[in-house]
Amino acid sequence: MKIVLTGGGTGGHFYPLIAVAQEINKKIDTDKIANTELYYFSDTPYDKEALFENRIRFTQIPAGKLRLYFSLKNITDLFKTGYGIIVALWNLFKVFPDVIFAKGGYASFPTLFAARILKIPTIIHESDSAPGRVTVWAGKFAQYIALSYLEAASYFPKEKIARVGQPIRPELENPMQDGAYEFLNLEKDVPIIFIMGGSLGAQIINDVVIQALPSLVNTYQIIHQVGKNNLDEITSRSEAILAGNDFRNRYKPFGFLSPLSIRMSAGVANIIVTRAGSALFEIAAWGTPSLVIPITHSNNDHQRKNAYNYARAGGCIVIEENNFTPHVLIHETDRIINDINLYNRMSQAAKEFYIPDAAEKIARKVIEIGLSHLPKE
């Protein structure tokens, strides 16, 4: 059996694919399904180590973005996408997989287009309340559509959909406290704010946190994922603003956090500050109250919709970008941390929002459809 995974461009697309691949490999080993091969078709490998660890072969498929605003890049990217479809057709024809699992995004379009031409069975997963254009289009011919949010159901044929939740890598699902204080060099009796900016960071969040630092470090420790390209700048700014502050060592900026570091940060964090992408489901699994700052202008406004859906469930407080100031950050953090009843309600609501075993459910469906596509002996 041959399985192609496609999607990418961001960790929110890539790592759920890895979570499903991990479950597929587990089932392959447990059920002794022989001669199974996994492939990843995208414009970049994104995380070569994760692909290698999960026995996934990478095939590069050119892809271009179609922006909703005028840009000369749309012209060159249109040709890039056309070329990507030709490359995808050739590589899919060579491999001829039994099933394709797609996470959407511009990087998946050439492969999905080629899959439709070649009539290869397709499964898609949508992480957001408002689906992306590629996922909505692919939903017209996909055999099975897995959803994280029930609100996305109206965009797809109802007979194909199932709300399964968000695939999360097992190594991130369960927070880890043992050794975390020592590993992250933290004090044990001071509350901790974990700021999840993602691998690229979030400039607005970074700026507000830096401005709030002199007040925050008096009461809290801050684990701050600032983005790989922002670490030097943020470190320099934080050292300048905290110069002479007795608690300056309570601020811990990181460009990138490994899965182990994220688990440990989640294990000791009292509150989390984050965007409204797929990380919301990791936070819900951890049961940690959060402040969510959605991107104001996201595709189909999906970040704001995600954030408010989670807030209605009770797991977070939403702060719009134009209202996100140092004063608001400090006030809302204090309010949640100091009100034990509110804190416990938010923690319980987060846990109830989380749907477990999404990766396992999708993997089971991928294998089921893949096996049914194999020629009968």
Protein backbone atom coordinates (compact mmCIF):
# COMPACT_ATOMS: atom_id res chain seq x y z
CA MET A 1 0.00 0.00 0.00
CA LYS A 2 1.24 3.48 -0.90
CA ILE A 3 0.08 6.60 0.92
CA VAL A 4 0.80 10.19 -0.09
CA LEU A 5 0.57 13.02 2.45
CA THR A 6 0.31 16.56 1.14
CA GLY A 7 0.02 20.06 2.56
CA GLY A 8 2.49 22.34 4.24
CA GLY A 9 3.72 25.89 4.16
CA THR A 10 3.20 26.22 7.92
CA GLY A 11 3.62 24.03 10.97
CA GLY A 12 -0.16 24.12 11.36
CA HIS A 13 -0.43 22.13 8.12
CA PHE A 14 2.70 20.02 8.43
CA TYR A 15 2.66 18.67 11.98
CA PRO A 16 -0.91 17.29 11.90
CA LEU A 17 0.26 15.29 8.86
CA ILE A 18 3.12 13.96 10.98
CA ALA A 19 0.70 13.08 13.80
CA VAL A 20 -1.41 11.03 11.36
CA ALA A 21 1.72 9.43 9.85
CA GLN A 22 2.80 8.35 13.34
CA GLU A 23 -0.54 6.60 13.85
CA ILE A 24 -0.38 5.03 10.38
CA ASN A 25 3.06 3.61 11.13
CA LYS A 26 1.83 2.32 14.47
CA LYS A 27 -1.08 0.50 12.82
CA ILE A 28 1.15 -0.83 10.05
CA ASP A 29 3.45 -2.36 12.65
CA THR A 30 0.63 -3.64 14.89
CA ASP A 31 -1.52 -5.12 12.11
CA LYS A 32 1.53 -6.29 10.13
CA ILE A 33 0.48 -4.54 6.91
CA ALA A 34 3.36 -5.40 4.59
CA ASN A 35 4.94 -3.27 1.87
CA THR A 36 3.47 0.06 2.98
CA GLU A 37 5.23 3.22 1.87
CA LEU A 38 4.58 6.83 2.92
CA TYR A 39 5.38 9.87 0.78
CA TYR A 40 5.18 13.60 1.44
CA PHE A 41 4.44 15.81 -1.59
CA SER A 42 5.01 19.52 -1.00
CA ASP A 43 7.13 22.46 -2.09
CA THR A 44 9.57 22.08 0.84
CA PRO A 45 10.27 19.26 3.33
CA TYR A 46 9.61 21.72 6.21
CA ASP A 47 11.08 19.40 8.86
CA LYS A 48 13.46 16.81 7.39
CA GLU A 49 14.08 15.18 10.76
CA ALA A 50 10.36 14.53 11.34
CA LEU A 51 10.06 12.99 7.86
CA PHE A 52 13.08 10.74 8.44
CA GLU A 53 11.92 9.62 11.88
CA ASN A 54 8.53 8.59 10.49
CA ARG A 55 9.85 6.80 7.37
CA ILE A 56 8.34 9.31 4.96
CA ARG A 57 9.90 9.97 1.55
CA PHE A 58 9.85 13.56 0.37
CA THR A 59 9.00 14.54 -3.21
CA GLN A 60 9.27 18.19 -4.14
CA ILE A 61 6.23 19.61 -5.91
CA PRO A 62 6.45 23.31 -6.91
CA ALA A 63 3.53 25.40 -5.68
CA GLY A 64 2.58 29.07 -5.74
CA LYS A 65 0.26 31.15 -3.60
CA LEU A 66 -2.83 32.84 -4.99
CA ARG A 67 -3.15 36.04 -2.96
CA LEU A 68 -6.48 37.78 -2.50
CA TYR A 69 -4.87 41.17 -3.12
CA PHE A 70 -3.09 42.49 -6.21
CA SER A 71 0.52 41.40 -6.45
CA LEU A 72 2.84 40.77 -9.37
CA LYS A 73 3.84 37.59 -7.55
CA ASN A 74 0.39 36.19 -8.40
CA ILE A 75 1.48 36.04 -12.06
CA THR A 76 4.71 34.15 -11.43
CA ASP A 77 3.05 31.94 -8.84
CA LEU A 78 0.33 31.03 -11.33
CA PHE A 79 2.98 29.61 -13.66
CA LYS A 80 4.69 27.94 -10.71
CA THR A 81 1.41 26.25 -9.76
CA GLY A 82 0.82 25.11 -13.34
CA TYR A 83 4.29 23.60 -13.46
CA GLY A 84 3.65 22.03 -10.05
CA ILE A 85 0.55 20.28 -11.40
CA ILE A 86 2.62 18.74 -14.22
CA VAL A 87 5.30 17.61 -11.73
CA ALA A 88 2.62 16.22 -9.40
CA LEU A 89 0.94 14.33 -12.24
CA TRP A 90 4.21 12.70 -13.24
CA ASN A 91 5.21 11.76 -9.69
CA LEU A 92 1.75 10.53 -8.71
CA PHE A 93 1.64 8.45 -11.89
CA LYS A 94 5.02 6.91 -10.99
CA VAL A 95 4.02 6.15 -7.40
CA PHE A 96 0.27 5.72 -8.03
CA PRO A 97 -0.72 5.75 -4.37
CA ASP A 98 -3.76 3.93 -3.03
CA VAL A 99 -4.88 6.96 -1.02
CA ILE A 100 -3.93 10.60 -0.44
CA PHE A 101 -4.29 12.46 2.84
CA ALA A 102 -4.26 16.26 2.49
CA LYS A 103 -4.15 19.09 5.04
CA GLY A 104 -4.91 21.88 2.60
CA GLY A 105 -2.94 25.04 1.96
CA TYR A 106 -1.41 26.26 -1.27
CA ALA A 107 1.29 23.55 -1.18
CA SER A 108 -1.32 20.79 -1.47
CA PHE A 109 -3.15 22.17 -4.52
CA PRO A 110 -0.95 20.74 -7.34
CA THR A 111 -1.03 17.26 -5.78
CA LEU A 112 -4.79 17.39 -5.16
CA PHE A 113 -5.42 18.63 -8.70
CA ALA A 114 -3.35 15.77 -10.09
CA ALA A 115 -5.11 13.29 -7.78
CA ARG A 116 -8.47 14.36 -9.15
CA ILE A 117 -7.31 13.82 -12.71
CA LEU A 118 -5.91 10.39 -11.85
CA LYS A 119 -8.97 9.53 -9.72
CA ILE A 120 -6.92 8.63 -6.66
CA PRO A 121 -9.01 8.35 -3.44
CA THR A 122 -8.53 11.40 -1.22
CA ILE A 123 -9.08 12.25 2.44
CA ILE A 124 -8.82 15.83 3.70
CA HIS A 125 -8.66 17.42 7.12
CA GLU A 126 -9.66 21.01 7.95
CA SER A 127 -8.25 22.58 11.12
CA ASP A 128 -10.17 25.88 11.07
CA SER A 129 -13.72 27.08 11.68
CA ALA A 130 -13.70 28.65 8.21
CA PRO A 131 -11.97 26.36 5.67
CA GLY A 132 -9.34 27.49 3.20
CA ARG A 133 -10.11 27.67 -0.51
CA VAL A 134 -8.13 24.56 -1.40
CA THR A 135 -9.94 22.44 1.21
CA VAL A 136 -13.39 23.67 0.13
CA TRP A 137 -12.55 22.85 -3.50
CA ALA A 138 -11.09 19.43 -2.60
CA GLY A 139 -14.17 18.64 -0.54
CA LYS A 140 -16.16 18.30 -3.78
CA PHE A 141 -14.32 15.11 -4.74
CA ALA A 142 -12.78 13.83 -1.49
CA GLN A 143 -14.08 10.54 -0.14
CA TYR A 144 -13.87 11.64 3.51
CA ILE A 145 -13.60 15.06 5.20
CA ALA A 146 -12.35 15.26 8.78
CA LEU A 147 -13.03 18.45 10.75
CA SER A 148 -11.65 20.05 13.89
CA TYR A 149 -14.54 22.53 14.29
CA LEU A 150 -18.21 21.67 13.81
CA GLU A 151 -18.69 25.20 12.40
CA ALA A 152 -16.82 24.16 9.23
CA ALA A 153 -19.41 21.50 8.38
CA SER A 154 -21.62 23.87 6.38
CA TYR A 155 -18.90 24.22 3.72
CA PHE A 156 -18.92 20.53 2.78
CA PRO A 157 -21.32 17.75 1.68
CA LYS A 158 -22.76 16.50 4.97
CA GLU A 159 -22.56 12.83 4.00
CA LYS A 160 -18.75 13.04 3.82
CA ILE A 161 -17.90 14.87 7.04
CA ALA A 162 -16.90 13.77 10.52
CA ARG A 163 -15.80 15.98 13.39
CA VAL A 164 -12.77 14.15 14.73
CA GLY A 165 -10.79 16.99 16.31
CA GLN A 166 -7.23 18.07 15.60
CA PRO A 167 -4.40 15.55 15.03
CA ILE A 168 -1.74 16.19 17.69
CA ARG A 169 1.62 14.48 17.91
CA PRO A 170 1.69 12.12 20.93
CA GLU A 171 4.87 13.77 22.22
CA LEU A 172 2.94 17.07 22.59
CA GLU A 173 -0.38 15.77 23.85
CA ASN A 174 0.66 15.24 27.47
CA PRO A 175 2.48 18.03 29.36
CA MET A 176 5.63 17.09 31.27
CA GLN A 177 6.60 18.64 34.60
CA ASP A 178 9.40 16.34 35.74
CA GLY A 179 12.70 18.12 35.22
CA ALA A 180 11.04 21.12 33.55
CA TYR A 181 12.09 23.70 36.14
CA GLU A 182 15.68 22.56 35.97
CA PHE A 183 15.73 22.19 32.18
CA LEU A 184 14.25 25.67 31.60
CA ASN A 185 16.05 27.26 34.56
CA LEU A 186 12.84 28.34 36.31
CA GLU A 187 11.90 29.21 39.89
CA LYS A 188 9.35 26.83 41.38
CA ASP A 189 7.29 29.33 43.39
CA VAL A 190 6.69 32.00 40.70
CA PRO A 191 3.75 31.70 38.21
CA ILE A 192 4.67 31.13 34.57
CA ILE A 193 3.34 32.67 31.36
CA PHE A 194 4.03 30.61 28.23
CA ILE A 195 3.89 32.71 25.06
CA MET A 196 3.52 30.55 21.94
CA GLY A 197 4.50 32.67 18.96
CA GLY A 198 5.08 29.71 16.65
CA SER A 199 8.22 28.96 14.65
CA LEU A 200 7.98 32.35 12.90
CA GLY A 201 6.99 34.29 15.97
CA ALA A 202 4.26 36.94 16.15
CA GLN A 203 5.53 40.51 15.88
CA ILE A 204 2.57 42.20 17.57
CA ILE A 205 2.71 39.80 20.51
CA ASN A 206 6.49 40.16 20.76
CA ASP A 207 6.29 43.95 20.85
CA VAL A 208 3.60 44.07 23.56
CA VAL A 209 5.38 41.50 25.71
CA ILE A 210 8.67 43.44 25.53
CA GLN A 211 6.90 46.65 26.60
CA ALA A 212 5.18 44.84 29.48
CA LEU A 213 8.30 43.06 30.74
CA PRO A 214 9.32 45.48 33.53
CA SER A 215 5.94 44.89 35.21
CA LEU A 216 5.50 41.23 34.27
CA VAL A 217 8.81 39.99 35.71
CA ASN A 218 7.90 41.38 39.13
CA THR A 219 5.18 38.74 39.39
CA TYR A 220 5.71 36.15 36.66
CA GLN A 221 8.27 34.12 34.76
CA ILE A 222 7.91 34.27 30.98
CA ILE A 223 8.76 31.51 28.51
CA HIS A 224 8.58 33.28 25.15
CA GLN A 225 8.84 31.59 21.76
CA VAL A 226 9.78 34.61 19.65
CA GLY A 227 10.52 32.97 16.27
CA LYS A 228 13.81 31.78 14.81
CA ASN A 229 14.55 35.02 12.98
CA ASN A 230 13.60 37.29 15.88
CA LEU A 231 15.72 35.91 18.72
CA ASP A 232 18.67 38.31 18.43
CA GLU A 233 16.46 41.38 18.17
CA ILE A 234 14.16 40.36 21.05
CA THR A 235 17.09 39.35 23.27
CA SER A 236 18.75 42.72 22.66
CA ARG A 237 15.54 44.66 23.35
CA SER A 238 14.70 42.68 26.49
CA GLU A 239 18.19 43.11 27.93
CA ALA A 240 17.95 46.86 27.37
CA ILE A 241 14.50 47.24 28.92
CA LEU A 242 15.34 44.99 31.89
CA ALA A 243 18.80 46.43 32.57
CA GLY A 244 19.20 46.79 36.32
CA ASN A 245 15.97 44.88 37.06
CA ASP A 246 16.49 42.35 39.87
CA PHE A 247 14.13 39.89 38.16
CA ARG A 248 15.52 40.10 34.62
CA ASN A 249 16.38 36.37 34.64
CA ARG A 250 12.69 35.55 34.83
CA TYR A 251 12.35 36.30 31.11
CA LYS A 252 13.30 33.32 28.88
CA PRO A 253 13.19 34.05 25.12
CA PHE A 254 13.59 31.15 22.67
CA GLY A 255 13.78 31.26 18.91
CA PHE A 256 12.43 27.74 18.57
CA LEU A 257 11.18 25.18 21.07
CA SER A 258 11.63 21.45 20.48
CA PRO A 259 8.71 19.11 21.24
CA LEU A 260 10.36 18.25 24.58
CA SER A 261 10.72 21.94 25.46
CA ILE A 262 7.09 22.58 24.53
CA ARG A 263 5.92 19.67 26.69
CA MET A 264 7.93 20.95 29.63
CA SER A 265 6.74 24.54 29.12
CA ALA A 266 3.15 23.30 28.98
CA GLY A 267 3.74 21.23 32.10
CA VAL A 268 4.67 24.23 34.24
CA ALA A 269 2.72 27.08 32.56
CA ASN A 270 -0.10 28.72 34.50
CA ILE A 271 -1.41 30.63 31.49
CA ILE A 272 -0.68 30.68 27.76
CA VAL A 273 -0.67 33.55 25.27
CA THR A 274 -1.15 32.43 21.67
CA ARG A 275 -2.50 33.03 18.19
CA ALA A 276 -5.66 31.22 17.07
CA GLY A 277 -4.22 28.52 14.85
CA SER A 278 -4.05 24.78 15.38
CA ALA A 279 -2.08 25.27 18.63
CA LEU A 280 -5.43 25.95 20.31
CA PHE A 281 -6.08 22.22 20.33
CA GLU A 282 -2.75 21.45 21.98
CA ILE A 283 -3.57 24.05 24.65
CA ALA A 284 -7.04 22.54 25.10
CA ALA A 285 -5.48 19.10 25.56
CA TRP A 286 -3.25 20.57 28.29
CA GLY A 287 -6.22 22.18 30.05
CA THR A 288 -4.40 25.50 30.48
CA PRO A 289 -6.33 28.82 30.43
CA SER A 290 -5.19 31.10 27.63
CA LEU A 291 -5.26 34.58 26.16
CA VAL A 292 -5.82 34.32 22.40
CA ILE A 293 -4.83 37.13 20.04
CA PRO A 294 -6.19 36.25 16.58
CA ILE A 295 -4.68 37.70 13.42
CA THR A 296 -6.97 40.54 12.35
CA HIS A 297 -6.81 39.81 8.63
CA SER A 298 -6.51 36.05 8.10
CA ASN A 299 -7.81 34.02 5.18
CA ASN A 300 -11.63 33.93 5.45
CA ASP A 301 -11.18 35.49 8.92
CA HIS A 302 -10.51 31.97 10.22
CA GLN A 303 -8.34 33.02 13.17
CA ARG A 304 -11.01 35.23 14.71
CA LYS A 305 -13.65 32.55 14.15
CA ASN A 306 -11.41 29.91 15.75
CA ALA A 307 -10.70 32.17 18.71
CA TYR A 308 -14.33 33.05 19.41
CA ASN A 309 -15.47 29.45 19.03
CA TYR A 310 -12.93 28.46 21.67
CA ALA A 311 -13.92 31.42 23.86
CA ARG A 312 -17.61 30.43 23.66
CA ALA A 313 -16.58 27.02 24.97
CA GLY A 314 -14.97 28.85 27.90
CA GLY A 315 -11.31 27.88 27.43
CA CYS A 316 -9.86 31.31 26.63
CA ILE A 317 -10.19 35.08 26.66
CA VAL A 318 -9.97 36.70 23.21
CA ILE A 319 -8.10 39.99 22.82
CA GLU A 320 -8.28 41.67 19.42
CA GLU A 321 -4.96 42.95 18.03
CA ASN A 322 -6.02 46.59 18.20
CA ASN A 323 -6.89 46.14 21.91
CA PHE A 324 -3.77 44.18 22.80
CA THR A 325 -1.64 46.53 24.88
CA PRO A 326 0.82 45.97 27.75
CA HIS A 327 -1.84 47.13 30.22
CA VAL A 328 -4.45 44.70 28.86
CA LEU A 329 -1.96 41.81 28.85
CA ILE A 330 -1.03 42.44 32.48
CA HIS A 331 -4.62 43.06 33.62
CA GLU A 332 -6.09 39.93 31.98
CA THR A 333 -3.23 37.73 33.16
CA ASP A 334 -3.65 38.96 36.74
CA ARG A 335 -7.42 38.53 36.55
CA ILE A 336 -7.24 34.88 35.49
CA ILE A 337 -4.35 33.89 37.78
CA ASN A 338 -5.84 35.58 40.86
CA ASP A 339 -9.41 34.28 40.47
CA ILE A 340 -9.18 30.57 41.31
CA ASN A 341 -12.83 29.91 40.35
CA LEU A 342 -12.39 31.53 36.94
CA TYR A 343 -9.09 29.71 36.46
CA ASN A 344 -10.62 26.31 37.24
CA ARG A 345 -13.64 26.95 35.00
CA MET A 346 -11.40 27.85 32.07
CA SER A 347 -9.16 24.85 32.67
CA GLN A 348 -12.13 22.46 32.74
CA ALA A 349 -13.70 24.08 29.67
CA ALA A 350 -10.44 23.68 27.75
CA LYS A 351 -10.30 19.97 28.56
CA GLU A 352 -13.93 19.49 27.49
CA PHE A 353 -13.25 21.29 24.19
CA TYR A 354 -10.49 18.85 23.28
CA ILE A 355 -11.41 15.77 21.22
CA PRO A 356 -8.89 12.97 21.76
CA ASP A 357 -7.56 10.42 19.24
CA ALA A 358 -8.09 12.51 16.09
CA ALA A 359 -4.86 11.26 14.48
CA GLU A 360 -5.79 7.65 15.21
CA LYS A 361 -9.28 8.07 13.71
CA ILE A 362 -7.90 9.62 10.53
CA ALA A 363 -5.13 7.03 10.24
CA ARG A 364 -7.70 4.25 10.51
CA LYS A 365 -9.72 5.80 7.68
CA VAL A 366 -6.62 6.34 5.51
CA ILE A 367 -5.63 2.69 5.88
CA GLU A 368 -9.21 1.49 5.32
CA ILE A 369 -9.55 3.42 2.05
CA GLY A 370 -6.01 2.55 1.01
CA LEU A 371 -6.54 -1.18 1.52
CA SER A 372 -9.86 -1.10 -0.33
CA HIS A 373 -8.05 0.43 -3.32
CA LEU A 374 -5.53 -2.40 -3.57
CA PRO A 375 -6.12 -4.92 -6.38
CA LYS A 376 -7.89 -8.07 -5.24
CA GLU A 377 -5.78 -11.22 -5.28
